[in-house]
Amino acid sequence: MFAALFSSLRPHQWTKNLFVAAPLLFSKQLTTLPLLLRTLLAVVAFCLLSGAVYLINDLFDLEHDRAHPIKRLRAIASGRLPLAAAQTAAALLIVSSLGLAALLGLPCFACAAGYLIVNLAYSLHLKHLPFVDVLSIAAGFLLRVLAGAVALAVVASPWLLICTFVLACLLGFGKRAHELANAGDPRRAGARGDRCWRATGWAR
């Protein structure tokens, strides 16, 4: 069960949380130990929080995933990870991550809480709205950078924020374009987000 739980946290996606360390990199204080430790704590907090978000998303999408030819193999959809265990783990991860963020100060806690709220909204509804889904993902990247900045009590460069937002949007729209290009693949049958994007005519 622990292997199923760990895979559901999507550890291969945690590299995205390195954006939390961007303010430290651009502050030119990489050798300052206290700042390194605070950045490390912030990165860990967001890894825990993003793991909780993936669990919650899988719980919300349970019935859809069970009907999907590929996603039905996910730990929760396949039954390898019991619902009660997934719910408990998500709650513990949220409490732990927000607790770590709070240790770094109220502004960092606010960024982490904002990240959680944005992702809950994404899982519930925003991911089905063309363009809004990508913008909400980009907002998550911005909140990562802001969390890293406030954890160090430094001001995030406007250029860093702009570049982060643009890069996140490019990656998001690129992913959507790839999904639309492969929409005819029968293995992708039932992808609700793809249907919404095709309905806008964006794929033409």
N, C-alpha and C. Protein backbone atom coordinates (compact mmCIF):
# COMPACT_ATOMS: atom_id res chain seq x y z
N MET A 1 0.82 -1.21 0.00
CA MET A 1 0.00 0.00 0.00
C MET A 1 0.86 1.27 0.00
N PHE A 2 2.01 1.18 0.69
CA PHE A 2 2.87 2.37 0.77
C PHE A 2 3.44 2.72 -0.60
N ALA A 3 3.76 1.70 -1.39
CA ALA A 3 4.25 1.95 -2.75
C ALA A 3 3.16 2.61 -3.58
N ALA A 4 1.92 2.15 -3.41
CA ALA A 4 0.79 2.73 -4.15
C ALA A 4 0.57 4.17 -3.73
N LEU A 5 0.69 4.43 -2.42
CA LEU A 5 0.53 5.80 -1.92
C LEU A 5 1.62 6.71 -2.47
N PHE A 6 2.85 6.23 -2.44
CA PHE A 6 3.97 7.06 -2.90
C PHE A 6 3.82 7.39 -4.38
N SER A 7 3.42 6.41 -5.18
CA SER A 7 3.25 6.67 -6.62
C SER A 7 2.13 7.66 -6.87
N SER A 8 1.11 7.66 -6.00
CA SER A 8 -0.01 8.59 -6.15
C SER A 8 0.39 10.02 -5.84
N LEU A 9 1.50 10.19 -5.13
CA LEU A 9 1.99 11.54 -4.81
C LEU A 9 2.74 12.15 -5.99
N ARG A 10 2.95 11.37 -7.06
CA ARG A 10 3.62 11.82 -8.28
C ARG A 10 5.00 12.44 -7.98
N PRO A 11 5.90 11.70 -7.33
CA PRO A 11 7.21 12.28 -7.00
C PRO A 11 7.98 12.76 -8.22
N HIS A 12 7.71 12.17 -9.39
CA HIS A 12 8.41 12.62 -10.60
C HIS A 12 8.00 14.04 -11.01
N GLN A 13 6.90 14.53 -10.44
CA GLN A 13 6.45 15.89 -10.73
C GLN A 13 6.99 16.91 -9.74
N TRP A 14 7.68 16.46 -8.72
CA TRP A 14 8.13 17.38 -7.67
C TRP A 14 9.22 18.33 -8.14
N THR A 15 9.82 18.03 -9.29
CA THR A 15 10.84 18.95 -9.81
C THR A 15 10.26 20.34 -10.07
N LYS A 16 8.95 20.41 -10.28
CA LYS A 16 8.30 21.71 -10.49
C LYS A 16 8.47 22.61 -9.26
N ASN A 17 8.62 21.98 -8.11
CA ASN A 17 8.74 22.76 -6.88
C ASN A 17 10.11 23.41 -6.72
N LEU A 18 11.02 23.11 -7.64
CA LEU A 18 12.32 23.80 -7.63
C LEU A 18 12.16 25.27 -7.98
N PHE A 19 10.99 25.64 -8.54
CA PHE A 19 10.72 27.06 -8.78
C PHE A 19 10.71 27.83 -7.46
N VAL A 20 10.43 27.14 -6.35
CA VAL A 20 10.47 27.78 -5.04
C VAL A 20 11.87 28.30 -4.74
N ALA A 21 12.88 27.63 -5.28
CA ALA A 21 14.27 28.01 -5.02
C ALA A 21 14.78 29.10 -5.96
N ALA A 22 13.98 29.49 -6.94
CA ALA A 22 14.42 30.50 -7.91
C ALA A 22 14.82 31.82 -7.24
N PRO A 23 14.05 32.34 -6.27
CA PRO A 23 14.47 33.60 -5.63
C PRO A 23 15.83 33.51 -4.95
N LEU A 24 16.14 32.35 -4.35
CA LEU A 24 17.45 32.18 -3.73
C LEU A 24 18.55 32.24 -4.79
N LEU A 25 18.30 31.59 -5.91
CA LEU A 25 19.29 31.58 -7.00
C LEU A 25 19.57 32.99 -7.49
N PHE A 26 18.51 33.77 -7.68
CA PHE A 26 18.68 35.12 -8.22
C PHE A 26 19.08 36.14 -7.16
N SER A 27 19.00 35.75 -5.89
CA SER A 27 19.44 36.66 -4.83
C SER A 27 20.95 36.68 -4.67
N LYS A 28 21.62 35.74 -5.35
CA LYS A 28 23.09 35.61 -5.30
C LYS A 28 23.59 35.35 -3.88
N GLN A 29 22.77 34.60 -3.11
CA GLN A 29 23.17 34.26 -1.74
C GLN A 29 23.11 32.75 -1.53
N LEU A 30 23.52 32.01 -2.55
CA LEU A 30 23.44 30.56 -2.51
C LEU A 30 24.29 29.95 -1.41
N THR A 31 25.31 30.65 -0.97
CA THR A 31 26.21 30.10 0.05
C THR A 31 25.81 30.50 1.47
N THR A 32 24.71 31.21 1.60
CA THR A 32 24.24 31.63 2.93
C THR A 32 23.41 30.52 3.53
N LEU A 33 23.95 29.83 4.53
CA LEU A 33 23.32 28.62 5.07
C LEU A 33 21.89 28.84 5.58
N PRO A 34 21.62 29.88 6.39
CA PRO A 34 20.24 30.07 6.86
C PRO A 34 19.22 30.21 5.72
N LEU A 35 19.62 30.90 4.65
CA LEU A 35 18.71 31.06 3.52
C LEU A 35 18.54 29.75 2.77
N LEU A 36 19.62 28.98 2.68
CA LEU A 36 19.53 27.66 2.05
C LEU A 36 18.56 26.76 2.80
N LEU A 37 18.65 26.78 4.13
CA LEU A 37 17.77 25.94 4.94
C LEU A 37 16.31 26.38 4.81
N ARG A 38 16.06 27.67 4.80
CA ARG A 38 14.69 28.17 4.66
C ARG A 38 14.12 27.80 3.29
N THR A 39 14.96 27.89 2.27
CA THR A 39 14.51 27.51 0.93
C THR A 39 14.22 26.02 0.87
N LEU A 40 15.08 25.22 1.48
CA LEU A 40 14.87 23.77 1.50
C LEU A 40 13.55 23.42 2.18
N LEU A 41 13.28 24.08 3.31
CA LEU A 41 12.01 23.84 4.01
C LEU A 41 10.82 24.22 3.14
N ALA A 42 10.94 25.33 2.42
CA ALA A 42 9.85 25.76 1.54
C ALA A 42 9.63 24.77 0.41
N VAL A 43 10.72 24.26 -0.16
CA VAL A 43 10.60 23.26 -1.23
C VAL A 43 9.94 21.99 -0.70
N VAL A 44 10.36 21.54 0.47
CA VAL A 44 9.75 20.34 1.07
C VAL A 44 8.27 20.57 1.33
N ALA A 45 7.92 21.75 1.84
CA ALA A 45 6.51 22.07 2.10
C ALA A 45 5.69 21.96 0.83
N PHE A 46 6.21 22.47 -0.28
CA PHE A 46 5.46 22.43 -1.53
C PHE A 46 5.45 21.04 -2.15
N CYS A 47 6.47 20.23 -1.89
CA CYS A 47 6.44 18.84 -2.34
C CYS A 47 5.33 18.08 -1.62
N LEU A 48 5.24 18.28 -0.31
CA LEU A 48 4.17 17.64 0.46
C LEU A 48 2.80 18.13 -0.01
N LEU A 49 2.70 19.44 -0.23
CA LEU A 49 1.42 20.02 -0.63
C LEU A 49 1.01 19.56 -2.02
N SER A 50 1.96 19.51 -2.95
CA SER A 50 1.61 19.06 -4.30
C SER A 50 1.23 17.59 -4.29
N GLY A 51 1.86 16.79 -3.41
CA GLY A 51 1.46 15.39 -3.27
C GLY A 51 0.02 15.27 -2.81
N ALA A 52 -0.36 16.11 -1.84
CA ALA A 52 -1.74 16.12 -1.37
C ALA A 52 -2.70 16.51 -2.48
N VAL A 53 -2.30 17.48 -3.30
CA VAL A 53 -3.14 17.94 -4.40
C VAL A 53 -3.38 16.82 -5.41
N TYR A 54 -2.34 16.04 -5.71
CA TYR A 54 -2.50 14.92 -6.64
C TYR A 54 -3.45 13.87 -6.07
N LEU A 55 -3.35 13.61 -4.78
CA LEU A 55 -4.27 12.66 -4.15
C LEU A 55 -5.71 13.16 -4.24
N ILE A 56 -5.91 14.43 -3.93
CA ILE A 56 -7.25 15.01 -3.97
C ILE A 56 -7.81 14.97 -5.39
N ASN A 57 -6.98 15.28 -6.37
CA ASN A 57 -7.42 15.26 -7.75
C ASN A 57 -7.85 13.85 -8.16
N ASP A 58 -7.08 12.84 -7.73
CA ASP A 58 -7.44 11.46 -8.04
C ASP A 58 -8.74 11.05 -7.35
N LEU A 59 -8.97 11.57 -6.16
CA LEU A 59 -10.22 11.28 -5.45
C LEU A 59 -11.41 11.92 -6.16
N PHE A 60 -11.24 13.16 -6.60
CA PHE A 60 -12.31 13.84 -7.32
C PHE A 60 -12.62 13.14 -8.65
N ASP A 61 -11.58 12.63 -9.30
CA ASP A 61 -11.74 12.04 -10.63
C ASP A 61 -11.91 10.52 -10.59
N LEU A 62 -12.24 9.98 -9.45
CA LEU A 62 -12.26 8.53 -9.26
C LEU A 62 -13.11 7.81 -10.30
N GLU A 63 -14.37 8.22 -10.45
CA GLU A 63 -15.26 7.52 -11.37
C GLU A 63 -14.81 7.67 -12.82
N HIS A 64 -14.35 8.86 -13.17
CA HIS A 64 -13.85 9.09 -14.53
C HIS A 64 -12.61 8.24 -14.80
N ASP A 65 -11.70 8.17 -13.81
CA ASP A 65 -10.48 7.39 -13.99
C ASP A 65 -10.78 5.91 -14.13
N ARG A 66 -11.76 5.42 -13.40
CA ARG A 66 -12.11 4.00 -13.48
C ARG A 66 -12.63 3.62 -14.87
N ALA A 67 -13.19 4.59 -15.59
CA ALA A 67 -13.72 4.32 -16.92
C ALA A 67 -12.69 4.59 -18.02
N HIS A 68 -11.52 5.09 -17.62
CA HIS A 68 -10.48 5.44 -18.60
C HIS A 68 -9.54 4.25 -18.80
N PRO A 69 -9.19 3.93 -20.05
CA PRO A 69 -8.36 2.74 -20.32
C PRO A 69 -6.97 2.78 -19.70
N ILE A 70 -6.43 3.97 -19.44
CA ILE A 70 -5.10 4.08 -18.84
C ILE A 70 -5.17 4.50 -17.38
N LYS A 71 -5.97 5.52 -17.10
CA LYS A 71 -6.04 6.06 -15.75
C LYS A 71 -6.66 5.09 -14.75
N ARG A 72 -7.38 4.08 -15.25
CA ARG A 72 -7.96 3.08 -14.35
C ARG A 72 -6.87 2.28 -13.63
N LEU A 73 -5.63 2.36 -14.13
CA LEU A 73 -4.52 1.65 -13.50
C LEU A 73 -3.91 2.43 -12.35
N ARG A 74 -4.34 3.68 -12.15
CA ARG A 74 -3.83 4.47 -11.03
C ARG A 74 -4.20 3.79 -9.71
N ALA A 75 -3.41 4.08 -8.69
CA ALA A 75 -3.54 3.35 -7.43
C ALA A 75 -4.93 3.45 -6.81
N ILE A 76 -5.50 4.65 -6.80
CA ILE A 76 -6.82 4.82 -6.18
C ILE A 76 -7.90 4.21 -7.06
N ALA A 77 -7.86 4.48 -8.36
CA ALA A 77 -8.88 3.96 -9.27
C ALA A 77 -8.87 2.44 -9.33
N SER A 78 -7.69 1.84 -9.22
CA SER A 78 -7.59 0.38 -9.31
C SER A 78 -7.88 -0.31 -7.98
N GLY A 79 -7.96 0.46 -6.91
CA GLY A 79 -8.24 -0.12 -5.60
C GLY A 79 -7.00 -0.51 -4.82
N ARG A 80 -5.81 -0.32 -5.39
CA ARG A 80 -4.58 -0.65 -4.67
C ARG A 80 -4.37 0.27 -3.47
N LEU A 81 -4.91 1.48 -3.56
CA LEU A 81 -4.84 2.42 -2.44
C LEU A 81 -6.26 2.69 -1.96
N PRO A 82 -6.63 2.21 -0.76
CA PRO A 82 -7.99 2.41 -0.25
C PRO A 82 -8.34 3.89 -0.14
N LEU A 83 -9.61 4.19 -0.34
CA LEU A 83 -10.06 5.58 -0.29
C LEU A 83 -9.76 6.22 1.07
N ALA A 84 -10.01 5.49 2.14
CA ALA A 84 -9.78 6.04 3.48
C ALA A 84 -8.30 6.39 3.68
N ALA A 85 -7.42 5.54 3.17
CA ALA A 85 -5.98 5.80 3.30
C ALA A 85 -5.58 7.03 2.49
N ALA A 86 -6.14 7.16 1.30
CA ALA A 86 -5.83 8.32 0.45
C ALA A 86 -6.33 9.61 1.10
N GLN A 87 -7.53 9.58 1.66
CA GLN A 87 -8.09 10.76 2.30
C GLN A 87 -7.29 11.16 3.54
N THR A 88 -6.91 10.16 4.34
CA THR A 88 -6.12 10.43 5.54
C THR A 88 -4.75 10.99 5.17
N ALA A 89 -4.12 10.39 4.16
CA ALA A 89 -2.80 10.86 3.73
C ALA A 89 -2.88 12.29 3.21
N ALA A 90 -3.91 12.60 2.44
CA ALA A 90 -4.06 13.95 1.90
C ALA A 90 -4.21 14.97 3.04
N ALA A 91 -5.01 14.62 4.04
CA ALA A 91 -5.21 15.53 5.18
C ALA A 91 -3.91 15.74 5.95
N LEU A 92 -3.17 14.66 6.20
CA LEU A 92 -1.91 14.77 6.92
C LEU A 92 -0.88 15.58 6.14
N LEU A 93 -0.84 15.38 4.84
CA LEU A 93 0.10 16.13 4.01
C LEU A 93 -0.23 17.62 3.99
N ILE A 94 -1.51 17.94 3.95
CA ILE A 94 -1.92 19.35 3.96
C ILE A 94 -1.52 20.01 5.27
N VAL A 95 -1.83 19.34 6.38
CA VAL A 95 -1.49 19.89 7.70
C VAL A 95 0.02 20.05 7.84
N SER A 96 0.77 19.04 7.42
CA SER A 96 2.23 19.09 7.54
C SER A 96 2.83 20.19 6.68
N SER A 97 2.37 20.29 5.44
CA SER A 97 2.93 21.29 4.52
C SER A 97 2.60 22.70 4.95
N LEU A 98 1.36 22.92 5.36
CA LEU A 98 0.98 24.26 5.82
C LEU A 98 1.69 24.60 7.13
N GLY A 99 1.92 23.59 7.96
CA GLY A 99 2.66 23.82 9.20
C GLY A 99 4.09 24.24 8.92
N LEU A 100 4.74 23.57 7.96
CA LEU A 100 6.10 23.96 7.57
C LEU A 100 6.12 25.37 7.01
N ALA A 101 5.14 25.67 6.15
CA ALA A 101 5.08 27.00 5.56
C ALA A 101 4.88 28.07 6.64
N ALA A 102 4.07 27.75 7.65
CA ALA A 102 3.82 28.70 8.73
C ALA A 102 5.10 28.99 9.52
N LEU A 103 5.97 27.98 9.65
CA LEU A 103 7.25 28.18 10.33
C LEU A 103 8.11 29.21 9.61
N LEU A 104 7.89 29.35 8.32
CA LEU A 104 8.67 30.29 7.51
C LEU A 104 8.03 31.68 7.46
N GLY A 105 6.90 31.83 8.15
CA GLY A 105 6.26 33.14 8.21
C GLY A 105 4.87 33.14 7.60
N LEU A 106 4.08 34.10 8.03
CA LEU A 106 2.70 34.20 7.55
C LEU A 106 2.61 34.39 6.03
N PRO A 107 3.48 35.22 5.41
CA PRO A 107 3.39 35.37 3.95
C PRO A 107 3.61 34.05 3.20
N CYS A 108 4.55 33.23 3.69
CA CYS A 108 4.80 31.94 3.05
C CYS A 108 3.59 31.01 3.25
N PHE A 109 3.02 31.05 4.44
CA PHE A 109 1.80 30.27 4.70
C PHE A 109 0.68 30.70 3.76
N ALA A 110 0.55 32.02 3.55
CA ALA A 110 -0.50 32.53 2.66
C ALA A 110 -0.29 32.04 1.23
N CYS A 111 0.96 32.00 0.77
CA CYS A 111 1.25 31.51 -0.58
C CYS A 111 0.91 30.03 -0.70
N ALA A 112 1.26 29.25 0.32
CA ALA A 112 0.96 27.82 0.30
C ALA A 112 -0.55 27.58 0.34
N ALA A 113 -1.24 28.34 1.19
CA ALA A 113 -2.70 28.21 1.25
C ALA A 113 -3.34 28.62 -0.07
N GLY A 114 -2.82 29.68 -0.68
CA GLY A 114 -3.32 30.11 -1.98
C GLY A 114 -3.10 29.05 -3.04
N TYR A 115 -1.93 28.41 -3.00
CA TYR A 115 -1.63 27.32 -3.94
C TYR A 115 -2.63 26.18 -3.78
N LEU A 116 -2.94 25.85 -2.53
CA LEU A 116 -3.91 24.78 -2.27
C LEU A 116 -5.29 25.15 -2.79
N ILE A 117 -5.71 26.39 -2.54
CA ILE A 117 -7.04 26.83 -2.99
C ILE A 117 -7.13 26.82 -4.51
N VAL A 118 -6.10 27.33 -5.18
CA VAL A 118 -6.10 27.35 -6.66
C VAL A 118 -6.20 25.93 -7.20
N ASN A 119 -5.47 25.00 -6.59
CA ASN A 119 -5.47 23.64 -7.09
C ASN A 119 -6.76 22.90 -6.77
N LEU A 120 -7.38 23.22 -5.65
CA LEU A 120 -8.69 22.65 -5.36
C LEU A 120 -9.71 23.13 -6.38
N ALA A 121 -9.65 24.42 -6.70
CA ALA A 121 -10.56 24.97 -7.72
C ALA A 121 -10.28 24.34 -9.08
N TYR A 122 -9.00 24.09 -9.36
CA TYR A 122 -8.62 23.44 -10.63
C TYR A 122 -9.21 22.03 -10.69
N SER A 123 -9.06 21.28 -9.62
CA SER A 123 -9.54 19.90 -9.60
C SER A 123 -11.06 19.83 -9.70
N LEU A 124 -11.74 20.79 -9.06
CA LEU A 124 -13.20 20.78 -9.04
C LEU A 124 -13.82 21.27 -10.33
N HIS A 125 -13.22 22.30 -10.94
CA HIS A 125 -13.91 22.92 -12.08
C HIS A 125 -12.99 23.54 -13.13
N LEU A 126 -11.95 24.23 -12.71
CA LEU A 126 -11.18 25.05 -13.65
C LEU A 126 -10.50 24.23 -14.74
N LYS A 127 -10.18 22.96 -14.46
CA LYS A 127 -9.48 22.17 -15.48
C LYS A 127 -10.37 21.83 -16.67
N HIS A 128 -11.66 22.07 -16.53
CA HIS A 128 -12.59 21.82 -17.63
C HIS A 128 -12.86 23.08 -18.45
N LEU A 129 -12.22 24.20 -18.09
CA LEU A 129 -12.42 25.46 -18.79
C LEU A 129 -11.21 25.77 -19.66
N PRO A 130 -11.37 25.76 -20.98
CA PRO A 130 -10.25 26.07 -21.87
C PRO A 130 -9.61 27.42 -21.54
N PHE A 131 -8.30 27.48 -21.61
CA PHE A 131 -7.49 28.66 -21.32
C PHE A 131 -7.42 28.94 -19.82
N VAL A 132 -8.55 28.90 -19.13
CA VAL A 132 -8.54 29.13 -17.69
C VAL A 132 -7.73 28.05 -16.99
N ASP A 133 -7.81 26.82 -17.50
CA ASP A 133 -7.05 25.73 -16.89
C ASP A 133 -5.55 26.00 -16.93
N VAL A 134 -5.07 26.47 -18.07
CA VAL A 134 -3.64 26.76 -18.20
C VAL A 134 -3.25 27.95 -17.33
N LEU A 135 -4.10 28.96 -17.27
CA LEU A 135 -3.80 30.13 -16.44
C LEU A 135 -3.75 29.77 -14.96
N SER A 136 -4.60 28.84 -14.55
CA SER A 136 -4.59 28.43 -13.14
C SER A 136 -3.32 27.65 -12.82
N ILE A 137 -2.84 26.86 -13.78
CA ILE A 137 -1.57 26.15 -13.60
C ILE A 137 -0.42 27.16 -13.49
N ALA A 138 -0.45 28.17 -14.36
CA ALA A 138 0.58 29.22 -14.32
C ALA A 138 0.55 29.95 -12.98
N ALA A 139 -0.64 30.17 -12.45
CA ALA A 139 -0.76 30.83 -11.14
C ALA A 139 -0.08 30.00 -10.06
N GLY A 140 -0.18 28.68 -10.18
CA GLY A 140 0.50 27.81 -9.22
C GLY A 140 2.01 27.98 -9.25
N PHE A 141 2.57 28.14 -10.45
CA PHE A 141 4.01 28.37 -10.56
C PHE A 141 4.40 29.72 -9.96
N LEU A 142 3.57 30.74 -10.19
CA LEU A 142 3.84 32.05 -9.60
C LEU A 142 3.84 31.99 -8.08
N LEU A 143 2.89 31.25 -7.52
CA LEU A 143 2.80 31.14 -6.07
C LEU A 143 4.02 30.40 -5.51
N ARG A 144 4.55 29.45 -6.26
CA ARG A 144 5.78 28.78 -5.82
C ARG A 144 6.92 29.80 -5.70
N VAL A 145 7.10 30.61 -6.74
CA VAL A 145 8.18 31.60 -6.74
C VAL A 145 7.97 32.61 -5.61
N LEU A 146 6.75 33.08 -5.46
CA LEU A 146 6.46 34.05 -4.40
C LEU A 146 6.71 33.45 -3.02
N ALA A 147 6.37 32.18 -2.84
CA ALA A 147 6.62 31.52 -1.56
C ALA A 147 8.11 31.48 -1.26
N GLY A 148 8.90 31.17 -2.28
CA GLY A 148 10.35 31.15 -2.09
C GLY A 148 10.91 32.51 -1.74
N ALA A 149 10.32 33.55 -2.32
CA ALA A 149 10.78 34.92 -2.05
C ALA A 149 10.44 35.35 -0.64
N VAL A 150 9.19 35.16 -0.24
CA VAL A 150 8.78 35.63 1.09
C VAL A 150 9.41 34.80 2.19
N ALA A 151 9.75 33.53 1.89
CA ALA A 151 10.43 32.71 2.89
C ALA A 151 11.80 33.29 3.21
N LEU A 152 12.39 33.99 2.25
CA LEU A 152 13.71 34.60 2.44
C LEU A 152 13.62 36.09 2.76
N ALA A 153 12.38 36.61 2.77
CA ALA A 153 12.16 38.04 3.00
C ALA A 153 12.88 38.88 1.95
N VAL A 154 12.82 38.41 0.69
CA VAL A 154 13.37 39.18 -0.43
C VAL A 154 12.23 39.48 -1.40
N VAL A 155 12.45 40.48 -2.22
CA VAL A 155 11.44 40.86 -3.21
C VAL A 155 11.69 40.09 -4.50
N ALA A 156 10.67 39.40 -4.98
CA ALA A 156 10.79 38.66 -6.23
C ALA A 156 10.88 39.64 -7.39
N SER A 157 11.85 39.45 -8.24
CA SER A 157 12.02 40.33 -9.40
C SER A 157 10.81 40.25 -10.32
N PRO A 158 10.30 41.40 -10.77
CA PRO A 158 9.18 41.37 -11.72
C PRO A 158 9.50 40.54 -12.96
N TRP A 159 10.75 40.60 -13.40
CA TRP A 159 11.15 39.82 -14.57
C TRP A 159 11.10 38.33 -14.28
N LEU A 160 11.46 37.94 -13.06
CA LEU A 160 11.38 36.53 -12.68
C LEU A 160 9.93 36.06 -12.70
N LEU A 161 9.04 36.89 -12.17
CA LEU A 161 7.62 36.53 -12.16
C LEU A 161 7.05 36.47 -13.57
N ILE A 162 7.41 37.44 -14.40
CA ILE A 162 6.91 37.46 -15.78
C ILE A 162 7.41 36.24 -16.55
N CYS A 163 8.71 35.96 -16.42
CA CYS A 163 9.29 34.81 -17.14
C CYS A 163 8.68 33.49 -16.66
N THR A 164 8.45 33.39 -15.34
CA THR A 164 7.82 32.19 -14.80
C THR A 164 6.43 31.99 -15.36
N PHE A 165 5.65 33.08 -15.39
CA PHE A 165 4.28 33.00 -15.88
C PHE A 165 4.25 32.63 -17.36
N VAL A 166 5.09 33.28 -18.16
CA VAL A 166 5.13 33.01 -19.60
C VAL A 166 5.57 31.57 -19.86
N LEU A 167 6.62 31.12 -19.16
CA LEU A 167 7.10 29.75 -19.35
C LEU A 167 6.04 28.73 -18.98
N ALA A 168 5.34 28.98 -17.85
CA ALA A 168 4.29 28.06 -17.42
C ALA A 168 3.16 28.01 -18.44
N CYS A 169 2.80 29.16 -18.99
CA CYS A 169 1.74 29.20 -20.01
C CYS A 169 2.17 28.46 -21.27
N LEU A 170 3.42 28.67 -21.69
CA LEU A 170 3.92 27.98 -22.88
C LEU A 170 3.90 26.47 -22.69
N LEU A 171 4.34 26.02 -21.53
CA LEU A 171 4.33 24.58 -21.25
C LEU A 171 2.90 24.05 -21.20
N GLY A 172 2.00 24.83 -20.57
CA GLY A 172 0.61 24.40 -20.47
C GLY A 172 -0.08 24.32 -21.81
N PHE A 173 0.07 25.36 -22.62
CA PHE A 173 -0.56 25.34 -23.94
C PHE A 173 0.08 24.30 -24.85
N GLY A 174 1.39 24.09 -24.68
CA GLY A 174 2.06 23.06 -25.47
C GLY A 174 1.54 21.68 -25.13
N LYS A 175 1.31 21.45 -23.84
CA LYS A 175 0.75 20.16 -23.41
C LYS A 175 -0.65 19.97 -23.97
N ARG A 176 -1.46 21.03 -23.92
CA ARG A 176 -2.82 20.93 -24.45
C ARG A 176 -2.80 20.67 -25.95
N ALA A 177 -1.89 21.33 -26.66
CA ALA A 177 -1.79 21.12 -28.11
C ALA A 177 -1.42 19.67 -28.41
N HIS A 178 -0.51 19.12 -27.61
CA HIS A 178 -0.12 17.72 -27.80
C HIS A 178 -1.30 16.78 -27.54
N GLU A 179 -2.07 17.09 -26.48
CA GLU A 179 -3.23 16.26 -26.16
C GLU A 179 -4.26 16.30 -27.28
N LEU A 180 -4.46 17.49 -27.84
CA LEU A 180 -5.43 17.63 -28.93
C LEU A 180 -4.95 16.90 -30.18
N ALA A 181 -3.65 16.94 -30.43
CA ALA A 181 -3.10 16.26 -31.60
C ALA A 181 -3.27 14.76 -31.50
N ASN A 182 -3.32 14.25 -30.26
CA ASN A 182 -3.47 12.81 -30.05
C ASN A 182 -4.88 12.44 -29.61
N ALA A 183 -5.82 13.36 -29.83
CA ALA A 183 -7.19 13.13 -29.36
C ALA A 183 -7.83 11.93 -30.03
N GLY A 184 -7.34 11.55 -31.21
CA GLY A 184 -7.93 10.41 -31.90
C GLY A 184 -7.46 9.07 -31.37
N ASP A 185 -6.47 9.09 -30.48
CA ASP A 185 -5.96 7.85 -29.90
C ASP A 185 -7.04 7.24 -29.02
N PRO A 186 -7.47 6.00 -29.29
CA PRO A 186 -8.53 5.39 -28.48
C PRO A 186 -8.16 5.24 -27.02
N ARG A 187 -6.86 5.22 -26.72
CA ARG A 187 -6.45 5.10 -25.32
C ARG A 187 -6.80 6.35 -24.53
N ARG A 188 -7.07 7.46 -25.24
CA ARG A 188 -7.39 8.71 -24.58
C ARG A 188 -8.89 8.98 -24.55
N ALA A 189 -9.67 7.97 -24.86
CA ALA A 189 -11.12 8.14 -24.89
C ALA A 189 -11.63 8.62 -23.55
N GLY A 190 -12.54 9.57 -23.58
CA GLY A 190 -13.16 10.04 -22.34
C GLY A 190 -12.45 11.19 -21.68
N ALA A 191 -11.48 11.78 -22.35
CA ALA A 191 -10.76 12.91 -21.75
C ALA A 191 -11.63 14.15 -21.82
N ARG A 192 -12.21 14.54 -20.69
CA ARG A 192 -13.19 15.64 -20.69
C ARG A 192 -12.56 16.97 -21.05
N GLY A 193 -11.35 17.21 -20.56
CA GLY A 193 -10.69 18.47 -20.87
C GLY A 193 -10.46 18.63 -22.36
N ASP A 194 -10.10 17.53 -23.03
CA ASP A 194 -9.87 17.59 -24.47
C ASP A 194 -11.15 17.96 -25.20
N ARG A 195 -12.27 17.40 -24.76
CA ARG A 195 -13.54 17.71 -25.42
C ARG A 195 -13.87 19.19 -25.28
N CYS A 196 -13.59 19.75 -24.12
CA CYS A 196 -13.86 21.18 -23.92
C CYS A 196 -13.00 22.02 -24.84
N TRP A 197 -11.72 21.65 -24.96
CA TRP A 197 -10.83 22.41 -25.83
C TRP A 197 -11.27 22.30 -27.28
N ARG A 198 -11.67 21.10 -27.72
CA ARG A 198 -12.10 20.95 -29.11
C ARG A 198 -13.37 21.73 -29.38
N ALA A 199 -14.23 21.85 -28.35
CA ALA A 199 -15.49 22.56 -28.52
C ALA A 199 -15.28 24.05 -28.78
N THR A 200 -14.14 24.58 -28.33
CA THR A 200 -13.88 26.00 -28.56
C THR A 200 -13.37 26.27 -29.97
N GLY A 201 -13.00 25.22 -30.68
CA GLY A 201 -12.44 25.38 -32.01
C GLY A 201 -10.96 25.68 -31.98
N TRP A 202 -10.35 25.62 -30.76
CA TRP A 202 -8.93 25.96 -30.62
C TRP A 202 -8.06 25.00 -31.42
N ALA A 203 -8.54 23.78 -31.63
CA ALA A 203 -7.73 22.77 -32.31
C ALA A 203 -7.69 22.98 -33.81
N ARG A 204 -8.51 23.86 -34.34
CA ARG A 204 -8.57 24.02 -35.80
C ARG A 204 -7.37 24.76 -36.34
